[in-house]
Amino acid sequence: MAPKPANKIVVVEEEPYSRSGCRPSLFQDVPYAKWMDPELWMELEKGMSPVAVESLLGPEHYDTAGGGNVKWEYGKCGPRARAELLFEKGQLSDWRLPSK
């Protein structure tokens, strides 16, 4: 019997989240999304788990991984995001509030 090949971790980068296509005014007239509420961002604390952060801000993030870290981007449109969170070793370590 042949040995099983080692499991490989594959990061799949999907198209950035958007509700109506990528354009400069993308988030002006879209329905409310939790992550857009600046008050919710004030509840973030270093060390939070991804599950806790997602339950607070919602699942509409675009994820990238590298160097053992994971970055979530909310409001991704082209190369820029309106808000970002960084997780190191599975815990929230830094974030950038939504820009206008």
N, C-alpha and C. Protein backbone atom coordinates (compact mmCIF):
# COMPACT_ATOMS: atom_id res chain seq x y z
N MET A 1 0.84 -1.17 0.00
CA MET A 1 0.00 0.00 0.00
C MET A 1 0.89 1.25 0.00
N ALA A 2 0.61 2.16 -0.88
CA ALA A 2 1.41 3.38 -1.00
C ALA A 2 1.13 4.33 0.16
N PRO A 3 2.16 5.03 0.65
CA PRO A 3 1.92 5.98 1.73
C PRO A 3 1.07 7.16 1.25
N LYS A 4 0.28 7.68 2.17
CA LYS A 4 -0.56 8.84 1.85
C LYS A 4 0.33 10.07 1.70
N PRO A 5 0.03 10.91 0.71
CA PRO A 5 0.81 12.15 0.59
C PRO A 5 0.50 13.07 1.76
N ALA A 6 1.48 13.87 2.13
CA ALA A 6 1.30 14.82 3.24
C ALA A 6 0.23 15.85 2.86
N ASN A 7 -0.55 16.25 3.85
CA ASN A 7 -1.56 17.28 3.61
C ASN A 7 -0.89 18.61 3.34
N LYS A 8 -1.35 19.29 2.33
CA LYS A 8 -0.84 20.61 2.01
C LYS A 8 -1.91 21.64 2.38
N ILE A 9 -1.46 22.74 2.94
CA ILE A 9 -2.38 23.83 3.23
C ILE A 9 -2.38 24.73 2.01
N VAL A 10 -3.57 24.96 1.49
CA VAL A 10 -3.71 25.80 0.31
C VAL A 10 -4.54 27.01 0.68
N VAL A 11 -4.00 28.20 0.46
CA VAL A 11 -4.74 29.42 0.70
C VAL A 11 -5.39 29.82 -0.61
N VAL A 12 -6.70 29.90 -0.60
CA VAL A 12 -7.44 30.26 -1.80
C VAL A 12 -7.81 31.73 -1.68
N GLU A 13 -7.31 32.53 -2.60
CA GLU A 13 -7.65 33.94 -2.60
C GLU A 13 -8.80 34.13 -3.57
N GLU A 14 -9.94 34.50 -3.00
CA GLU A 14 -11.13 34.70 -3.81
C GLU A 14 -11.27 36.16 -4.19
N GLU A 15 -12.22 36.43 -5.03
CA GLU A 15 -12.49 37.82 -5.40
C GLU A 15 -12.85 38.60 -4.15
N PRO A 16 -12.41 39.86 -4.08
CA PRO A 16 -12.75 40.68 -2.92
C PRO A 16 -14.26 40.80 -2.74
N TYR A 17 -14.68 40.88 -1.49
CA TYR A 17 -16.10 41.06 -1.18
C TYR A 17 -16.58 42.39 -1.75
N SER A 18 -17.68 42.35 -2.41
CA SER A 18 -18.33 43.59 -2.82
C SER A 18 -19.80 43.29 -3.04
N ARG A 19 -20.61 44.28 -2.88
CA ARG A 19 -22.05 44.09 -3.07
C ARG A 19 -22.49 44.50 -4.46
N SER A 20 -21.76 45.39 -5.08
CA SER A 20 -22.22 45.87 -6.39
C SER A 20 -21.08 46.25 -7.32
N GLY A 21 -19.96 45.59 -7.19
CA GLY A 21 -18.84 45.89 -8.07
C GLY A 21 -17.90 46.91 -7.44
N CYS A 22 -16.70 47.00 -7.98
CA CYS A 22 -15.68 47.86 -7.42
C CYS A 22 -15.68 49.22 -8.12
N ARG A 23 -16.01 50.26 -7.39
CA ARG A 23 -15.98 51.62 -7.91
C ARG A 23 -15.76 52.56 -6.74
N PRO A 24 -15.34 53.81 -6.97
CA PRO A 24 -15.02 54.71 -5.87
C PRO A 24 -16.15 54.91 -4.86
N SER A 25 -17.39 54.91 -5.30
CA SER A 25 -18.52 55.16 -4.40
C SER A 25 -19.18 53.85 -3.94
N LEU A 26 -18.44 52.77 -3.96
CA LEU A 26 -19.00 51.44 -3.69
C LEU A 26 -19.87 51.37 -2.45
N PHE A 27 -19.44 51.98 -1.35
CA PHE A 27 -20.16 51.79 -0.09
C PHE A 27 -21.06 52.96 0.29
N GLN A 28 -21.37 53.85 -0.65
CA GLN A 28 -22.23 54.99 -0.32
C GLN A 28 -23.70 54.60 -0.19
N ASP A 29 -24.20 53.80 -1.09
CA ASP A 29 -25.63 53.51 -1.11
C ASP A 29 -25.96 52.04 -0.90
N VAL A 30 -25.07 51.30 -0.25
CA VAL A 30 -25.33 49.88 -0.02
C VAL A 30 -26.06 49.72 1.30
N PRO A 31 -26.82 48.63 1.43
CA PRO A 31 -27.49 48.38 2.71
C PRO A 31 -26.47 48.27 3.84
N TYR A 32 -26.92 48.53 5.03
CA TYR A 32 -26.10 48.49 6.23
C TYR A 32 -25.37 47.16 6.39
N ALA A 33 -24.11 47.22 6.73
CA ALA A 33 -23.34 46.04 7.12
C ALA A 33 -22.73 46.38 8.48
N LYS A 34 -22.69 45.41 9.38
CA LYS A 34 -22.23 45.66 10.74
C LYS A 34 -20.86 46.33 10.79
N TRP A 35 -19.93 45.90 9.94
CA TRP A 35 -18.57 46.43 10.00
C TRP A 35 -18.50 47.92 9.72
N MET A 36 -19.53 48.49 9.10
CA MET A 36 -19.55 49.91 8.77
C MET A 36 -19.82 50.79 9.99
N ASP A 37 -20.27 50.21 11.09
CA ASP A 37 -20.62 50.97 12.29
C ASP A 37 -19.36 51.25 13.11
N PRO A 38 -18.90 52.51 13.16
CA PRO A 38 -17.66 52.80 13.88
C PRO A 38 -17.74 52.51 15.38
N GLU A 39 -18.93 52.53 15.94
CA GLU A 39 -19.10 52.23 17.37
C GLU A 39 -18.69 50.78 17.68
N LEU A 40 -18.97 49.86 16.77
CA LEU A 40 -18.62 48.46 17.00
C LEU A 40 -17.11 48.27 17.05
N TRP A 41 -16.37 49.06 16.29
CA TRP A 41 -14.91 48.94 16.27
C TRP A 41 -14.31 49.34 17.61
N MET A 42 -15.03 50.15 18.36
CA MET A 42 -14.53 50.57 19.68
C MET A 42 -14.60 49.43 20.69
N GLU A 43 -15.33 48.37 20.37
CA GLU A 43 -15.44 47.22 21.26
C GLU A 43 -14.32 46.19 21.05
N LEU A 44 -13.51 46.39 20.02
CA LEU A 44 -12.41 45.45 19.76
C LEU A 44 -11.36 45.54 20.86
N GLU A 45 -10.77 44.40 21.18
CA GLU A 45 -9.69 44.35 22.16
C GLU A 45 -8.61 43.41 21.64
N LYS A 46 -7.35 43.76 21.89
CA LYS A 46 -6.27 42.86 21.51
C LYS A 46 -6.47 41.51 22.19
N GLY A 47 -6.16 40.45 21.45
CA GLY A 47 -6.29 39.11 21.98
C GLY A 47 -7.62 38.43 21.65
N MET A 48 -8.55 39.17 21.03
CA MET A 48 -9.84 38.57 20.67
C MET A 48 -9.63 37.48 19.62
N SER A 49 -10.49 36.48 19.65
CA SER A 49 -10.43 35.41 18.66
C SER A 49 -11.11 35.86 17.37
N PRO A 50 -10.77 35.21 16.24
CA PRO A 50 -11.46 35.53 14.99
C PRO A 50 -12.97 35.33 15.09
N VAL A 51 -13.40 34.32 15.83
CA VAL A 51 -14.84 34.05 15.98
C VAL A 51 -15.52 35.23 16.68
N ALA A 52 -14.89 35.73 17.74
CA ALA A 52 -15.47 36.86 18.48
C ALA A 52 -15.51 38.12 17.61
N VAL A 53 -14.45 38.35 16.84
CA VAL A 53 -14.41 39.53 15.98
C VAL A 53 -15.46 39.43 14.88
N GLU A 54 -15.59 38.27 14.28
CA GLU A 54 -16.58 38.10 13.21
C GLU A 54 -18.00 38.23 13.75
N SER A 55 -18.25 37.76 14.95
CA SER A 55 -19.60 37.91 15.51
C SER A 55 -19.90 39.38 15.79
N LEU A 56 -18.87 40.18 16.05
CA LEU A 56 -19.05 41.61 16.30
C LEU A 56 -19.20 42.39 15.00
N LEU A 57 -18.32 42.15 14.03
CA LEU A 57 -18.27 42.97 12.81
C LEU A 57 -18.93 42.36 11.59
N GLY A 58 -19.19 41.06 11.60
CA GLY A 58 -19.82 40.41 10.46
C GLY A 58 -18.82 39.65 9.60
N PRO A 59 -19.35 38.81 8.70
CA PRO A 59 -18.50 37.92 7.91
C PRO A 59 -18.03 38.49 6.58
N GLU A 60 -18.29 39.74 6.27
CA GLU A 60 -17.99 40.28 4.95
C GLU A 60 -16.55 40.75 4.81
N HIS A 61 -15.61 39.88 5.13
CA HIS A 61 -14.20 40.27 5.03
C HIS A 61 -13.49 39.44 3.97
N TYR A 62 -12.43 40.02 3.45
CA TYR A 62 -11.54 39.40 2.47
C TYR A 62 -10.28 39.03 3.24
N ASP A 63 -9.85 37.78 3.17
CA ASP A 63 -8.74 37.30 4.00
C ASP A 63 -7.48 37.02 3.18
N THR A 64 -6.35 37.37 3.78
CA THR A 64 -5.05 36.99 3.22
C THR A 64 -4.22 36.43 4.36
N ALA A 65 -3.31 35.54 4.03
CA ALA A 65 -2.47 34.92 5.06
C ALA A 65 -1.03 34.91 4.59
N GLY A 66 -0.13 35.03 5.56
CA GLY A 66 1.28 34.97 5.23
C GLY A 66 2.12 35.15 6.48
N GLY A 67 3.22 34.43 6.55
CA GLY A 67 4.12 34.55 7.69
C GLY A 67 3.49 34.16 9.01
N GLY A 68 2.49 33.30 8.99
CA GLY A 68 1.82 32.89 10.22
C GLY A 68 0.75 33.87 10.68
N ASN A 69 0.53 34.93 9.93
CA ASN A 69 -0.47 35.92 10.29
C ASN A 69 -1.63 35.87 9.30
N VAL A 70 -2.78 36.39 9.73
CA VAL A 70 -3.94 36.49 8.86
C VAL A 70 -4.42 37.93 8.92
N LYS A 71 -4.70 38.50 7.75
CA LYS A 71 -5.23 39.86 7.69
C LYS A 71 -6.64 39.79 7.11
N TRP A 72 -7.58 40.45 7.80
CA TRP A 72 -8.93 40.60 7.30
C TRP A 72 -9.08 42.01 6.78
N GLU A 73 -9.72 42.13 5.62
CA GLU A 73 -9.98 43.44 5.04
C GLU A 73 -11.48 43.59 4.82
N TYR A 74 -12.03 44.62 5.40
CA TYR A 74 -13.45 44.94 5.20
C TYR A 74 -13.54 46.08 4.20
N GLY A 75 -14.50 46.00 3.29
CA GLY A 75 -14.67 47.05 2.30
C GLY A 75 -13.57 47.03 1.26
N LYS A 76 -13.13 45.84 0.86
CA LYS A 76 -12.05 45.70 -0.11
C LYS A 76 -12.55 46.12 -1.48
N CYS A 77 -11.83 47.03 -2.11
CA CYS A 77 -12.16 47.48 -3.45
C CYS A 77 -10.85 47.76 -4.16
N GLY A 78 -10.44 46.87 -5.03
CA GLY A 78 -9.15 47.02 -5.67
C GLY A 78 -8.04 46.76 -4.65
N PRO A 79 -6.96 47.52 -4.71
CA PRO A 79 -5.83 47.26 -3.81
C PRO A 79 -6.03 47.80 -2.40
N ARG A 80 -7.09 48.58 -2.15
CA ARG A 80 -7.29 49.19 -0.84
C ARG A 80 -8.50 48.63 -0.13
N ALA A 81 -8.45 48.66 1.18
CA ALA A 81 -9.58 48.26 2.01
C ALA A 81 -9.96 49.43 2.89
N ARG A 82 -11.23 49.50 3.28
CA ARG A 82 -11.67 50.58 4.14
C ARG A 82 -11.31 50.33 5.59
N ALA A 83 -11.12 49.07 5.96
CA ALA A 83 -10.75 48.72 7.34
C ALA A 83 -9.98 47.41 7.31
N GLU A 84 -9.07 47.23 8.27
CA GLU A 84 -8.24 46.02 8.30
C GLU A 84 -8.06 45.55 9.73
N LEU A 85 -7.90 44.24 9.87
CA LEU A 85 -7.56 43.63 11.15
C LEU A 85 -6.44 42.65 10.93
N LEU A 86 -5.54 42.55 11.90
CA LEU A 86 -4.43 41.62 11.82
C LEU A 86 -4.51 40.64 12.98
N PHE A 87 -4.43 39.36 12.66
CA PHE A 87 -4.42 38.29 13.66
C PHE A 87 -3.04 37.64 13.65
N GLU A 88 -2.43 37.55 14.82
CA GLU A 88 -1.16 36.86 14.98
C GLU A 88 -1.37 35.72 15.95
N LYS A 89 -0.97 34.53 15.52
CA LYS A 89 -1.15 33.32 16.34
C LYS A 89 -2.60 33.16 16.78
N GLY A 90 -3.54 33.48 15.88
CA GLY A 90 -4.96 33.27 16.15
C GLY A 90 -5.61 34.30 17.05
N GLN A 91 -4.92 35.40 17.33
CA GLN A 91 -5.49 36.43 18.19
C GLN A 91 -5.36 37.80 17.53
N LEU A 92 -6.37 38.64 17.75
CA LEU A 92 -6.35 39.99 17.19
C LEU A 92 -5.18 40.77 17.79
N SER A 93 -4.34 41.32 16.91
CA SER A 93 -3.19 42.06 17.41
C SER A 93 -3.20 43.54 17.01
N ASP A 94 -3.89 43.88 15.92
CA ASP A 94 -3.91 45.27 15.48
C ASP A 94 -5.07 45.46 14.51
N TRP A 95 -5.50 46.70 14.33
CA TRP A 95 -6.57 46.98 13.38
C TRP A 95 -6.54 48.45 12.96
N ARG A 96 -7.20 48.69 11.82
CA ARG A 96 -7.35 50.04 11.29
C ARG A 96 -8.83 50.28 11.08
N LEU A 97 -9.36 51.31 11.69
CA LEU A 97 -10.79 51.63 11.62
C LEU A 97 -11.24 51.93 10.20
N PRO A 98 -12.54 51.78 9.92
CA PRO A 98 -13.03 52.09 8.58
C PRO A 98 -12.75 53.54 8.20
N SER A 99 -12.29 53.73 6.98
CA SER A 99 -12.08 55.08 6.46
C SER A 99 -13.35 55.50 5.73
N LYS A 100 -13.48 56.78 5.54
CA LYS A 100 -14.68 57.27 4.88
C LYS A 100 -14.50 57.37 3.39
